[in-house]
Each structure stands twice: as structure tokens, then as C-alpha cells.
Amino acid sequence: MNISPDSIIYWEWDFFKVSATILFTWVVMAILVLISFLVTRNIKSGLEMSRWQSFLETLVGYIRNQIREIVRGDPKIYLPFLGSLFMFISLSNLLAFVPGYHPPTGSIYTTGALALCVFFAVPIFGIARAGVGGYLKHYISPTPIMFPFLVISEFSRTLALAVRLFGNVLSGTMIAAILLAVAPFFVPVVMQALSLLIGQIHAYIFAVLAAVYIGSAARARSEEEHESGKEDDKDKEGRDGESDESEK
């Protein structure tokens, strides 16, 4: 039994190897690109809208609303990244029912790469929203003593993202394989259906956690602006009060 798709090699030459992880990663990406091209090549509105276009718009609208609720702001700049993350993980897990297919999310290299994308996306979106100084300032807020703890948390949550998705997909695959050997008819079918559902849940959790991390970096600046605005209002009220007393 192959525990990881990394151990399945389809082609190799010298130190170049095409494993199941690489092959099915490209398959998933090709399917996503093909579906996007076919659905969007003839976009219509109203009653002329196709079922696939309607489904895709509903899905994108749902993802946009989820991002808006989490980041508490305009989801437009986050949608391409977070939507792509969710769609890739979701389709990777959904295709598990295809015979011969091995989910690339069952490889620690794939989940590690996805977690690294989130790791670098957090400062990129944070700097885009708050600037370099504003983003780095939250590492020493409320006190510089927090700096090493905040840096450690950045690495630990990246590691947790990768290990959580890898462990859950791998454990589902192993349980299905074991049950297939013990009871090769009814039970594996039920477990396969459950693993498909669980795979979608894990895709949702991964995307939500990524949105939370990115949203927290962006909200740091918003809260700072909000506090600054409150202080300005207090100063203004104080000046108005002093001017009223002087007039009396």
C-alpha cells in the first residue's frame, strides 16, 4: 500500500522524477483552467445564463461573502488568492473517487507549498493595506516583548496548516485502503463517500484559516486608524468645549 503519492513514480530520468503528486497536481490545475475557460468564454446574463455559469457565479458569490465576513472589508483583492486555494484543494479531494487517482493534498510537499503561499500572502496583503511601517508595527504592539512570540506564531501556524491538511487527507486514504482489504464491498463505498465530504470540509477550513490570518494583518491597520480617529474626535470635542467656555 502506497501511503503517500510521493512514493508513486510514473516516469524518471536521472534525478528528474514525475510522481503522482506532480502529475495529479497538474491534472487538477488543468481541469480548473479548462472549466474556467469553458464557463467564461460565452458569458450571458438573465435567463440566457447557462447552468454552469450560474453554478460558478453562485460559488464565487458564496466565497466572496465568506471573505467579506471574515476580513470585514472589501473582498475583491483577496478573492483571487483565497478562491484559488479553496478551488484547488476542493477539486483535489473531490476527485478521490476516480480509480487510479491519488489526491496531491495527501503529500506533505503539496500542503507545505500551500501553507507557504499563505505564509507569504499574509505580509504581502498586510503591507499592501498598511504599508511596510504600519505592518511591521504590529509585531511590537502593544509591547516589543511580544515580537519573538509573534514571529514564532507566524511559523507555527504555517506548519499547523500544512500538517493538518496533510494528516487528514492521508488518514482518510489509509482508512479507506484498510477497509477495502477487510470488507471489499459495502464499507469502503460508505467510507469513500464520507471522505469526499470530509475533504470538502478540510478545503473550507484551510481557506477560512488563510482568510483569518490575512484578515488579521489587514485589520491591524484598520483598528489603528479607528483608534486614531477616536483620539482626533476627542481632541476636537475638547477644543470645542474650551471655545464654548471662552465665549461664555
Foldseek 3Di string as FASTA:
>chain_A
DDLFQQVAFDDDDDPDTDTLLNVVLVVLVVVVVVLVCVQPVDADDDPVRDPSVVVVVVVLVVVQVLLCVQLVDHCVVVSVPLVVLLSSLLVLQLCVVPPPHDRSLLDLVVQLVNLVVLLVLQVVLLCVQQNPVLLVVVLQPPHVVNNVVVVVVSVVVSVVRSCVSNVLLSVLVVVLVVCCVVPVPDVSVVSSVVSSVVSSVSSVVSSSVSSNSNSVSNVSNVVVVVVVVVVVVVVVVVVVVVVVVVVD
